[in-house]
Amino acid sequence: EIIHVAEDPESGALLGFISVWSKEHFVHHLYVTPDQQRCGTGSALLRSLRSWLPLPYRLKCLEENHAALAFYRRHGWAELERGTDTLGDYLLMEYDGRDGQAG
């Protein structure tokens, strides 16, 4: 598991992080503090993947998390399949870079 963090350059405060199982290129977590949401932090963390992990990437997103699904779709992630686990119904999504976006 590899974790990359986004920090405030002045205070060093944690703004968010992305956690990836590098063997499978699987994003386990993408978290941004509430005050940093819709400020570009999540987008920057996704873009950072390209600098340290080759394409494609995959993740699971709960169907009920509409904001996260919209975020990933805006960044070029596509639905591969649907499933259910202990947390509920989810979409398995993949980013392959073919849309030209940064991730």
PDB file of N, CA and C in Angstrom:
ATOM      1  N   GLU A   1       0.850  -1.177   0.000  1.00  0.00           N
ATOM      2  CA  GLU A   1       0.000   0.000   0.000  1.00  0.00           C
ATOM      3  C   GLU A   1       0.892   1.235   0.000  1.00  0.00           C
ATOM      4  N   ILE A   2       0.596   2.146  -0.899  1.00  0.00           N
ATOM      5  CA  ILE A   2       1.326   3.409  -0.986  1.00  0.00           C
ATOM      6  C   ILE A   2       0.353   4.530  -0.663  1.00  0.00           C
ATOM      7  N   ILE A   3       0.791   5.466   0.163  1.00  0.00           N
ATOM      8  CA  ILE A   3      -0.048   6.602   0.536  1.00  0.00           C
ATOM      9  C   ILE A   3       0.678   7.883   0.158  1.00  0.00           C
ATOM     10  N   HIS A   4      -0.020   8.754  -0.555  1.00  0.00           N
ATOM     11  CA  HIS A   4       0.487  10.088  -0.869  1.00  0.00           C
ATOM     12  C   HIS A   4      -0.427  11.092  -0.190  1.00  0.00           C
ATOM     13  N   VAL A   5       0.166  12.135   0.353  1.00  0.00           N
ATOM     14  CA  VAL A   5      -0.616  13.141   1.063  1.00  0.00           C
ATOM     15  C   VAL A   5      -0.508  14.491   0.368  1.00  0.00           C
ATOM     16  N   ALA A   6      -1.523  15.297   0.588  1.00  0.00           N
ATOM     17  CA  ALA A   6      -1.509  16.698   0.164  1.00  0.00           C
ATOM     18  C   ALA A   6      -1.449  17.529   1.440  1.00  0.00           C
ATOM     19  N   GLU A   7      -0.462  18.417   1.489  1.00  0.00           N
ATOM     20  CA  GLU A   7      -0.273  19.255   2.670  1.00  0.00           C
ATOM     21  C   GLU A   7      -0.333  20.722   2.285  1.00  0.00           C
ATOM     22  N   ASP A   8      -0.768  21.534   3.232  1.00  0.00           N
ATOM     23  CA  ASP A   8      -0.725  22.979   3.050  1.00  0.00           C
ATOM     24  C   ASP A   8       0.741  23.398   3.062  1.00  0.00           C
ATOM     25  N   PRO A   9       1.213  24.097   2.023  1.00  0.00           N
ATOM     26  CA  PRO A   9       2.636  24.433   1.952  1.00  0.00           C
ATOM     27  C   PRO A   9       3.105  25.374   3.060  1.00  0.00           C
ATOM     28  N   GLU A  10       2.199  26.155   3.621  1.00  0.00           N
ATOM     29  CA  GLU A  10       2.599  27.094   4.675  1.00  0.00           C
ATOM     30  C   GLU A  10       2.539  26.473   6.066  1.00  0.00           C
ATOM     31  N   SER A  11       1.425  25.816   6.375  1.00  0.00           N
ATOM     32  CA  SER A  11       1.244  25.299   7.736  1.00  0.00           C
ATOM     33  C   SER A  11       1.650  23.838   7.892  1.00  0.00           C
ATOM     34  N   GLY A  12       1.726  23.113   6.771  1.00  0.00           N
ATOM     35  CA  GLY A  12       2.004  21.686   6.840  1.00  0.00           C
ATOM     36  C   GLY A  12       0.788  20.854   7.210  1.00  0.00           C
ATOM     37  N   ALA A  13      -0.375  21.498   7.317  1.00  0.00           N
ATOM     38  CA  ALA A  13      -1.604  20.782   7.678  1.00  0.00           C
ATOM     39  C   ALA A  13      -1.985  19.793   6.580  1.00  0.00           C
ATOM     40  N   LEU A  14      -2.502  18.651   6.988  1.00  0.00           N
ATOM     41  CA  LEU A  14      -2.949  17.631   6.053  1.00  0.00           C
ATOM     42  C   LEU A  14      -4.231  18.097   5.377  1.00  0.00           C
ATOM     43  N   LEU A  15      -4.237  18.088   4.036  1.00  0.00           N
ATOM     44  CA  LEU A  15      -5.407  18.490   3.261  1.00  0.00           C
ATOM     45  C   LEU A  15      -6.160  17.282   2.719  1.00  0.00           C
ATOM     46  N   GLY A  16      -5.443  16.179   2.522  1.00  0.00           N
ATOM     47  CA  GLY A  16      -6.059  14.971   1.997  1.00  0.00           C
ATOM     48  C   GLY A  16      -5.001  13.927   1.713  1.00  0.00           C
ATOM     49  N   PHE A  17      -5.465  12.743   1.277  1.00  0.00           N
ATOM     50  CA  PHE A  17      -4.521  11.684   0.924  1.00  0.00           C
ATOM     51  C   PHE A  17      -5.156  10.738  -0.079  1.00  0.00           C
ATOM     52  N   ILE A  18      -4.294  10.000  -0.773  1.00  0.00           N
ATOM     53  CA  ILE A  18      -4.727   8.921  -1.653  1.00  0.00           C
ATOM     54  C   ILE A  18      -3.929   7.686  -1.269  1.00  0.00           C
ATOM     55  N   SER A  19      -4.614   6.562  -1.166  1.00  0.00           N
ATOM     56  CA  SER A  19      -4.005   5.304  -0.755  1.00  0.00           C
ATOM     57  C   SER A  19      -4.242   4.288  -1.870  1.00  0.00           C
ATOM     58  N   VAL A  20      -3.162   3.649  -2.328  1.00  0.00           N
ATOM     59  CA  VAL A  20      -3.243   2.763  -3.495  1.00  0.00           C
ATOM     60  C   VAL A  20      -2.535   1.445  -3.210  1.00  0.00           C
ATOM     61  N   TRP A  21      -3.195   0.346  -3.548  1.00  0.00           N
ATOM     62  CA  TRP A  21      -2.557  -0.962  -3.544  1.00  0.00           C
ATOM     63  C   TRP A  21      -1.831  -1.043  -4.876  1.00  0.00           C
ATOM     64  N   SER A  22      -0.524  -0.813  -4.860  1.00  0.00           N
ATOM     65  CA  SER A  22       0.231  -0.614  -6.104  1.00  0.00           C
ATOM     66  C   SER A  22       0.298  -1.861  -6.981  1.00  0.00           C
ATOM     67  N   LYS A  23       0.296  -3.048  -6.389  1.00  0.00           N
ATOM     68  CA  LYS A  23       0.354  -4.280  -7.187  1.00  0.00           C
ATOM     69  C   LYS A  23      -0.786  -4.364  -8.193  1.00  0.00           C
ATOM     70  N   GLU A  24      -1.956  -3.916  -7.770  1.00  0.00           N
ATOM     71  CA  GLU A  24      -3.142  -4.016  -8.610  1.00  0.00           C
ATOM     72  C   GLU A  24      -3.593  -2.663  -9.149  1.00  0.00           C
ATOM     73  N   HIS A  25      -2.844  -1.599  -8.834  1.00  0.00           N
ATOM     74  CA  HIS A  25      -3.196  -0.240  -9.260  1.00  0.00           C
ATOM     75  C   HIS A  25      -4.597   0.120  -8.769  1.00  0.00           C
ATOM     76  N   PHE A  26      -4.917  -0.320  -7.555  1.00  0.00           N
ATOM     77  CA  PHE A  26      -6.259  -0.158  -7.000  1.00  0.00           C
ATOM     78  C   PHE A  26      -6.266   0.944  -5.948  1.00  0.00           C
ATOM     79  N   VAL A  27      -7.080   1.966  -6.181  1.00  0.00           N
ATOM     80  CA  VAL A  27      -7.213   3.080  -5.239  1.00  0.00           C
ATOM     81  C   VAL A  27      -8.136   2.635  -4.108  1.00  0.00           C
ATOM     82  N   HIS A  28      -7.568   2.529  -2.910  1.00  0.00           N
ATOM     83  CA  HIS A  28      -8.374   2.139  -1.751  1.00  0.00           C
ATOM     84  C   HIS A  28      -9.126   3.324  -1.179  1.00  0.00           C
ATOM     85  N   HIS A  29      -8.437   4.445  -1.055  1.00  0.00           N
ATOM     86  CA  HIS A  29      -9.045   5.619  -0.430  1.00  0.00           C
ATOM     87  C   HIS A  29      -8.575   6.885  -1.131  1.00  0.00           C
ATOM     88  N   LEU A  30      -9.487   7.801  -1.292  1.00  0.00           N
ATOM     89  CA  LEU A  30      -9.173   9.178  -1.667  1.00  0.00           C
ATOM     90  C   LEU A  30      -9.972  10.031  -0.700  1.00  0.00           C
ATOM     91  N   TYR A  31      -9.267  10.750   0.159  1.00  0.00           N
ATOM     92  CA  TYR A  31      -9.929  11.561   1.174  1.00  0.00           C
ATOM     93  C   TYR A  31      -9.399  12.982   1.098  1.00  0.00           C
ATOM     94  N   VAL A  32     -10.325  13.923   1.180  1.00  0.00           N
ATOM     95  CA  VAL A  32      -9.986  15.343   1.231  1.00  0.00           C
ATOM     96  C   VAL A  32     -10.764  15.944   2.398  1.00  0.00           C
ATOM     97  N   THR A  33     -10.094  16.744   3.215  1.00  0.00           N
ATOM     98  CA  THR A  33     -10.777  17.362   4.348  1.00  0.00           C
ATOM     99  C   THR A  33     -11.954  18.192   3.836  1.00  0.00           C
ATOM    100  N   PRO A  34     -13.025  18.264   4.615  1.00  0.00           N
ATOM    101  CA  PRO A  34     -14.222  18.977   4.148  1.00  0.00           C
ATOM    102  C   PRO A  34     -13.959  20.409   3.686  1.00  0.00           C
ATOM    103  N   ASP A  35     -13.076  21.122   4.373  1.00  0.00           N
ATOM    104  CA  ASP A  35     -12.818  22.513   3.974  1.00  0.00           C
ATOM    105  C   ASP A  35     -12.004  22.621   2.685  1.00  0.00           C
ATOM    106  N   GLN A  36     -11.437  21.531   2.207  1.00  0.00           N
ATOM    107  CA  GLN A  36     -10.657  21.535   0.963  1.00  0.00           C
ATOM    108  C   GLN A  36     -11.406  20.912  -0.212  1.00  0.00           C
ATOM    109  N   GLN A  37     -12.598  20.393   0.032  1.00  0.00           N
ATOM    110  CA  GLN A  37     -13.366  19.793  -1.057  1.00  0.00           C
ATOM    111  C   GLN A  37     -13.791  20.876  -2.037  1.00  0.00           C
ATOM    112  N   ARG A  38     -13.743  20.533  -3.321  1.00  0.00           N
ATOM    113  CA  ARG A  38     -14.060  21.440  -4.427  1.00  0.00           C
ATOM    114  C   ARG A  38     -13.057  22.595  -4.537  1.00  0.00           C
ATOM    115  N   CYS A  39     -11.836  22.339  -4.076  1.00  0.00           N
ATOM    116  CA  CYS A  39     -10.757  23.334  -4.181  1.00  0.00           C
ATOM    117  C   CYS A  39      -9.598  22.824  -5.031  1.00  0.00           C
ATOM    118  N   GLY A  40      -9.724  21.628  -5.613  1.00  0.00           N
ATOM    119  CA  GLY A  40      -8.680  21.079  -6.470  1.00  0.00           C
ATOM    120  C   GLY A  40      -7.758  20.078  -5.805  1.00  0.00           C
ATOM    121  N   THR A  41      -7.905  19.871  -4.508  1.00  0.00           N
ATOM    122  CA  THR A  41      -7.019  18.942  -3.801  1.00  0.00           C
ATOM    123  C   THR A  41      -7.218  17.507  -4.269  1.00  0.00           C
ATOM    124  N   GLY A  42      -8.459  17.065  -4.368  1.00  0.00           N
ATOM    125  CA  GLY A  42      -8.737  15.705  -4.839  1.00  0.00           C
ATOM    126  C   GLY A  42      -8.258  15.489  -6.261  1.00  0.00           C
ATOM    127  N   SER A  43      -8.470  16.483  -7.106  1.00  0.00           N
ATOM    128  CA  SER A  43      -8.003  16.396  -8.498  1.00  0.00           C
ATOM    129  C   SER A  43      -6.489  16.286  -8.550  1.00  0.00           C
ATOM    130  N   ALA A  44      -5.810  17.065  -7.720  1.00  0.00           N
ATOM    131  CA  ALA A  44      -4.343  17.016  -7.692  1.00  0.00           C
ATOM    132  C   ALA A  44      -3.851  15.649  -7.222  1.00  0.00           C
ATOM    133  N   LEU A  45      -4.516  15.074  -6.233  1.00  0.00           N
ATOM    134  CA  LEU A  45      -4.118  13.750  -5.758  1.00  0.00           C
ATOM    135  C   LEU A  45      -4.311  12.702  -6.849  1.00  0.00           C
ATOM    136  N   LEU A  46      -5.422  12.769  -7.582  1.00  0.00           N
ATOM    137  CA  LEU A  46      -5.623  11.831  -8.692  1.00  0.00           C
ATOM    138  C   LEU A  46      -4.554  12.014  -9.764  1.00  0.00           C
ATOM    139  N   ARG A  47      -4.271  13.265 -10.118  1.00  0.00           N
ATOM    140  CA  ARG A  47      -3.246  13.526 -11.144  1.00  0.00           C
ATOM    141  C   ARG A  47      -1.881  13.008 -10.711  1.00  0.00           C
ATOM    142  N   SER A  48      -1.621  13.020  -9.417  1.00  0.00           N
ATOM    143  CA  SER A  48      -0.313  12.576  -8.923  1.00  0.00           C
ATOM    144  C   SER A  48      -0.061  11.104  -9.215  1.00  0.00           C
ATOM    145  N   LEU A  49      -1.118  10.321  -9.377  1.00  0.00           N
ATOM    146  CA  LEU A  49      -0.942   8.893  -9.670  1.00  0.00           C
ATOM    147  C   LEU A  49      -0.030   8.676 -10.867  1.00  0.00           C
ATOM    148  N   ARG A  50      -0.206   9.488 -11.886  1.00  0.00           N
ATOM    149  CA  ARG A  50       0.551   9.311 -13.131  1.00  0.00           C
ATOM    150  C   ARG A  50       2.059   9.434 -12.929  1.00  0.00           C
ATOM    151  N   SER A  51       2.475  10.147 -11.901  1.00  0.00           N
ATOM    152  CA  SER A  51       3.911  10.349 -11.686  1.00  0.00           C
ATOM    153  C   SER A  51       4.572   9.163 -10.988  1.00  0.00           C
ATOM    154  N   TRP A  52       3.794   8.259 -10.436  1.00  0.00           N
ATOM    155  CA  TRP A  52       4.411   7.150  -9.703  1.00  0.00           C
ATOM    156  C   TRP A  52       3.775   5.790  -9.942  1.00  0.00           C
ATOM    157  N   LEU A  53       2.748   5.721 -10.797  1.00  0.00           N
ATOM    158  CA  LEU A  53       2.102   4.434 -11.042  1.00  0.00           C
ATOM    159  C   LEU A  53       1.559   4.410 -12.469  1.00  0.00           C
ATOM    160  N   PRO A  54       1.907   3.381 -13.251  1.00  0.00           N
ATOM    161  CA  PRO A  54       1.415   3.323 -14.629  1.00  0.00           C
ATOM    162  C   PRO A  54      -0.087   3.015 -14.689  1.00  0.00           C
ATOM    163  N   LEU A  55      -0.686   3.397 -15.792  1.00  0.00           N
ATOM    164  CA  LEU A  55      -2.102   3.118 -16.058  1.00  0.00           C
ATOM    165  C   LEU A  55      -2.315   1.631 -16.278  1.00  0.00           C
ATOM    166  N   PRO A  56      -3.530   1.135 -16.153  1.00  0.00           N
ATOM    167  CA  PRO A  56      -4.753   1.788 -15.687  1.00  0.00           C
ATOM    168  C   PRO A  56      -4.887   1.692 -14.172  1.00  0.00           C
ATOM    169  N   TYR A  57      -5.849   2.446 -13.627  1.00  0.00           N
ATOM    170  CA  TYR A  57      -6.163   2.415 -12.202  1.00  0.00           C
ATOM    171  C   TYR A  57      -7.610   1.973 -12.038  1.00  0.00           C
ATOM    172  N   ARG A  58      -7.888   1.360 -10.905  1.00  0.00           N
ATOM    173  CA  ARG A  58      -9.260   0.940 -10.596  1.00  0.00           C
ATOM    174  C   ARG A  58      -9.620   1.353  -9.175  1.00  0.00           C
ATOM    175  N   LEU A  59     -10.919   1.429  -8.931  1.00  0.00           N
ATOM    176  CA  LEU A  59     -11.431   1.714  -7.594  1.00  0.00           C
ATOM    177  C   LEU A  59     -12.871   1.244  -7.500  1.00  0.00           C
ATOM    178  N   LYS A  60     -13.363   1.144  -6.279  1.00  0.00           N
ATOM    179  CA  LYS A  60     -14.776   0.880  -6.027  1.00  0.00           C
ATOM    180  C   LYS A  60     -15.361   2.136  -5.400  1.00  0.00           C
ATOM    181  N   CYS A  61     -16.574   2.493  -5.835  1.00  0.00           N
ATOM    182  CA  CYS A  61     -17.270   3.642  -5.262  1.00  0.00           C
ATOM    183  C   CYS A  61     -18.701   3.219  -4.965  1.00  0.00           C
ATOM    184  N   LEU A  62     -19.153   3.502  -3.764  1.00  0.00           N
ATOM    185  CA  LEU A  62     -20.518   3.145  -3.402  1.00  0.00           C
ATOM    186  C   LEU A  62     -21.508   3.897  -4.283  1.00  0.00           C
ATOM    187  N   GLU A  63     -22.537   3.194  -4.736  1.00  0.00           N
ATOM    188  CA  GLU A  63     -23.549   3.800  -5.605  1.00  0.00           C
ATOM    189  C   GLU A  63     -24.217   4.998  -4.955  1.00  0.00           C
ATOM    190  N   GLU A  64     -24.362   4.965  -3.641  1.00  0.00           N
ATOM    191  CA  GLU A  64     -25.044   6.057  -2.947  1.00  0.00           C
ATOM    192  C   GLU A  64     -24.175   7.307  -2.805  1.00  0.00           C
ATOM    193  N   ASN A  65     -22.897   7.209  -3.117  1.00  0.00           N
ATOM    194  CA  ASN A  65     -21.996   8.357  -2.998  1.00  0.00           C
ATOM    195  C   ASN A  65     -22.003   9.143  -4.319  1.00  0.00           C
ATOM    196  N   HIS A  66     -23.083   9.862  -4.544  1.00  0.00           N
ATOM    197  CA  HIS A  66     -23.293  10.556  -5.811  1.00  0.00           C
ATOM    198  C   HIS A  66     -22.217  11.604  -6.100  1.00  0.00           C
ATOM    199  N   ALA A  67     -21.780  12.313  -5.070  1.00  0.00           N
ATOM    200  CA  ALA A  67     -20.755  13.342  -5.275  1.00  0.00           C
ATOM    201  C   ALA A  67     -19.446  12.718  -5.750  1.00  0.00           C
ATOM    202  N   ALA A  68     -19.050  11.603  -5.134  1.00  0.00           N
ATOM    203  CA  ALA A  68     -17.806  10.941  -5.536  1.00  0.00           C
ATOM    204  C   ALA A  68     -17.922  10.371  -6.944  1.00  0.00           C
ATOM    205  N   LEU A  69     -19.064   9.768  -7.264  1.00  0.00           N
ATOM    206  CA  LEU A  69     -19.247   9.223  -8.617  1.00  0.00           C
ATOM    207  C   LEU A  69     -19.146  10.325  -9.665  1.00  0.00           C
ATOM    208  N   ALA A  70     -19.765  11.462  -9.400  1.00  0.00           N
ATOM    209  CA  ALA A  70     -19.690  12.585 -10.343  1.00  0.00           C
ATOM    210  C   ALA A  70     -18.249  13.071 -10.480  1.00  0.00           C
ATOM    211  N   PHE A  71     -17.527  13.136  -9.378  1.00  0.00           N
ATOM    212  CA  PHE A  71     -16.121  13.558  -9.388  1.00  0.00           C
ATOM    213  C   PHE A  71     -15.288  12.629 -10.267  1.00  0.00           C
ATOM    214  N   TYR A  72     -15.405  11.326 -10.043  1.00  0.00           N
ATOM    215  CA  TYR A  72     -14.615  10.375 -10.828  1.00  0.00           C
ATOM    216  C   TYR A  72     -14.996  10.420 -12.306  1.00  0.00           C
ATOM    217  N   ARG A  73     -16.273  10.514 -12.601  1.00  0.00           N
ATOM    218  CA  ARG A  73     -16.698  10.581 -14.007  1.00  0.00           C
ATOM    219  C   ARG A  73     -16.154  11.830 -14.689  1.00  0.00           C
ATOM    220  N   ARG A  74     -16.161  12.960 -13.983  1.00  0.00           N
ATOM    221  CA  ARG A  74     -15.588  14.201 -14.545  1.00  0.00           C
ATOM    222  C   ARG A  74     -14.114  14.029 -14.881  1.00  0.00           C
ATOM    223  N   HIS A  75     -13.452  13.162 -14.136  1.00  0.00           N
ATOM    224  CA  HIS A  75     -12.019  12.934 -14.346  1.00  0.00           C
ATOM    225  C   HIS A  75     -11.735  11.771 -15.292  1.00  0.00           C
ATOM    226  N   GLY A  76     -12.750  11.283 -15.979  1.00  0.00           N
ATOM    227  CA  GLY A  76     -12.544  10.275 -17.013  1.00  0.00           C
ATOM    228  C   GLY A  76     -12.638   8.829 -16.574  1.00  0.00           C
ATOM    229  N   TRP A  77     -13.062   8.569 -15.343  1.00  0.00           N
ATOM    230  CA  TRP A  77     -13.218   7.196 -14.869  1.00  0.00           C
ATOM    231  C   TRP A  77     -14.501   6.617 -15.444  1.00  0.00           C
ATOM    232  N   ALA A  78     -14.462   5.340 -15.812  1.00  0.00           N
ATOM    233  CA  ALA A  78     -15.612   4.671 -16.419  1.00  0.00           C
ATOM    234  C   ALA A  78     -16.022   3.463 -15.585  1.00  0.00           C
ATOM    235  N   GLU A  79     -17.309   3.179 -15.603  1.00  0.00           N
ATOM    236  CA  GLU A  79     -17.842   2.018 -14.895  1.00  0.00           C
ATOM    237  C   GLU A  79     -17.483   0.740 -15.640  1.00  0.00           C
ATOM    238  N   LEU A  80     -16.952  -0.236 -14.897  1.00  0.00           N
ATOM    239  CA  LEU A  80     -16.663  -1.554 -15.462  1.00  0.00           C
ATOM    240  C   LEU A  80     -17.755  -2.550 -15.119  1.00  0.00           C
ATOM    241  N   GLU A  81     -18.169  -2.528 -13.862  1.00  0.00           N
ATOM    242  CA  GLU A  81     -19.197  -3.463 -13.404  1.00  0.00           C
ATOM    243  C   GLU A  81     -19.783  -2.966 -12.097  1.00  0.00           C
ATOM    244  N   ARG A  82     -20.861  -3.619 -11.698  1.00  0.00           N
ATOM    245  CA  ARG A  82     -21.510  -3.305 -10.426  1.00  0.00           C
ATOM    246  C   ARG A  82     -21.451  -4.529  -9.527  1.00  0.00           C
ATOM    247  N   GLY A  83     -21.469  -4.277  -8.235  1.00  0.00           N
ATOM    248  CA  GLY A  83     -21.434  -5.374  -7.290  1.00  0.00           C
ATOM    249  C   GLY A  83     -21.982  -4.949  -5.946  1.00  0.00           C
ATOM    250  N   THR A  84     -21.957  -5.877  -5.016  1.00  0.00           N
ATOM    251  CA  THR A  84     -22.417  -5.624  -3.656  1.00  0.00           C
ATOM    252  C   THR A  84     -21.424  -6.264  -2.705  1.00  0.00           C
ATOM    253  N   ASP A  85     -21.070  -5.518  -1.662  1.00  0.00           N
ATOM    254  CA  ASP A  85     -20.251  -6.091  -0.599  1.00  0.00           C
ATOM    255  C   ASP A  85     -20.857  -5.684   0.735  1.00  0.00           C
ATOM    256  N   THR A  86     -20.113  -5.842   1.812  1.00  0.00           N
ATOM    257  CA  THR A  86     -20.660  -5.572   3.144  1.00  0.00           C
ATOM    258  C   THR A  86     -21.029  -4.105   3.350  1.00  0.00           C
ATOM    259  N   LEU A  87     -20.456  -3.200   2.562  1.00  0.00           N
ATOM    260  CA  LEU A  87     -20.769  -1.773   2.682  1.00  0.00           C
ATOM    261  C   LEU A  87     -21.959  -1.356   1.833  1.00  0.00           C
ATOM    262  N   GLY A  88     -22.353  -2.200   0.883  1.00  0.00           N
ATOM    263  CA  GLY A  88     -23.491  -1.875   0.033  1.00  0.00           C
ATOM    264  C   GLY A  88     -23.172  -2.070  -1.438  1.00  0.00           C
ATOM    265  N   ASP A  89     -24.043  -1.522  -2.277  1.00  0.00           N
ATOM    266  CA  ASP A  89     -23.868  -1.618  -3.727  1.00  0.00           C
ATOM    267  C   ASP A  89     -22.773  -0.659  -4.173  1.00  0.00           C
ATOM    268  N   TYR A  90     -21.936  -1.115  -5.089  1.00  0.00           N
ATOM    269  CA  TYR A  90     -20.821  -0.297  -5.550  1.00  0.00           C
ATOM    270  C   TYR A  90     -20.655  -0.415  -7.058  1.00  0.00           C
ATOM    271  N   LEU A  91     -19.895   0.529  -7.603  1.00  0.00           N
ATOM    272  CA  LEU A  91     -19.456   0.472  -8.991  1.00  0.00           C
ATOM    273  C   LEU A  91     -17.957   0.247  -8.991  1.00  0.00           C
ATOM    274  N   LEU A  92     -17.490  -0.709  -9.769  1.00  0.00           N
ATOM    275  CA  LEU A  92     -16.064  -0.871 -10.016  1.00  0.00           C
ATOM    276  C   LEU A  92     -15.752   0.039 -11.191  1.00  0.00           C
ATOM    277  N   MET A  93     -14.811   0.960 -10.995  1.00  0.00           N
ATOM    278  CA  MET A  93     -14.490   1.951 -12.014  1.00  0.00           C
ATOM    279  C   MET A  93     -13.028   1.833 -12.417  1.00  0.00           C
ATOM    280  N   GLU A  94     -12.736   2.290 -13.630  1.00  0.00           N
ATOM    281  CA  GLU A  94     -11.366   2.240 -14.143  1.00  0.00           C
ATOM    282  C   GLU A  94     -11.042   3.538 -14.860  1.00  0.00           C
ATOM    283  N   TYR A  95      -9.786   3.950 -14.718  1.00  0.00           N
ATOM    284  CA  TYR A  95      -9.254   5.076 -15.475  1.00  0.00           C
ATOM    285  C   TYR A  95      -8.111   4.539 -16.326  1.00  0.00           C
ATOM    286  N   ASP A  96      -8.245   4.666 -17.652  1.00  0.00           N
ATOM    287  CA  ASP A  96      -7.204   4.139 -18.540  1.00  0.00           C
ATOM    288  C   ASP A  96      -6.450   5.224 -19.301  1.00  0.00           C
ATOM    289  N   GLY A  97      -6.810   6.476 -19.090  1.00  0.00           N
ATOM    290  CA  GLY A  97      -6.082   7.581 -19.707  1.00  0.00           C
ATOM    291  C   GLY A  97      -6.451   7.890 -21.133  1.00  0.00           C
ATOM    292  N   ARG A  98      -7.350   7.139 -21.732  1.00  0.00           N
ATOM    293  CA  ARG A  98      -7.673   7.349 -23.142  1.00  0.00           C
ATOM    294  C   ARG A  98      -8.427   8.644 -23.410  1.00  0.00           C
ATOM    295  N   ASP A  99      -9.013   9.225 -22.383  1.00  0.00           N
ATOM    296  CA  ASP A  99      -9.776  10.445 -22.604  1.00  0.00           C
ATOM    297  C   ASP A  99      -8.901  11.690 -22.618  1.00  0.00           C
ATOM    298  N   GLY A 100      -7.619  11.524 -22.316  1.00  0.00           N
ATOM    299  CA  GLY A 100      -6.700  12.652 -22.342  1.00  0.00           C
ATOM    300  C   GLY A 100      -6.670  13.467 -21.066  1.00  0.00           C
ATOM    301  N   GLN A 101      -7.516  13.144 -20.099  1.00  0.00           N
ATOM    302  CA  GLN A 101      -7.499  13.869 -18.841  1.00  0.00           C
ATOM    303  C   GLN A 101      -6.347  13.367 -17.987  1.00  0.00           C
ATOM    304  N   ALA A 102      -6.106  14.080 -16.917  1.00  0.00           N
ATOM    305  CA  ALA A 102      -4.975  13.753 -16.058  1.00  0.00           C
ATOM    306  C   ALA A 102      -5.285  12.670 -15.046  1.00  0.00           C
ATOM    307  N   GLY A 103      -6.487  12.236 -14.919  1.00  0.00           N
ATOM    308  CA  GLY A 103      -6.818  11.200 -13.960  1.00  0.00           C
ATOM    309  C   GLY A 103      -7.839  11.678 -13.019  1.00  0.00           C
TER     310      GLY A 103
END
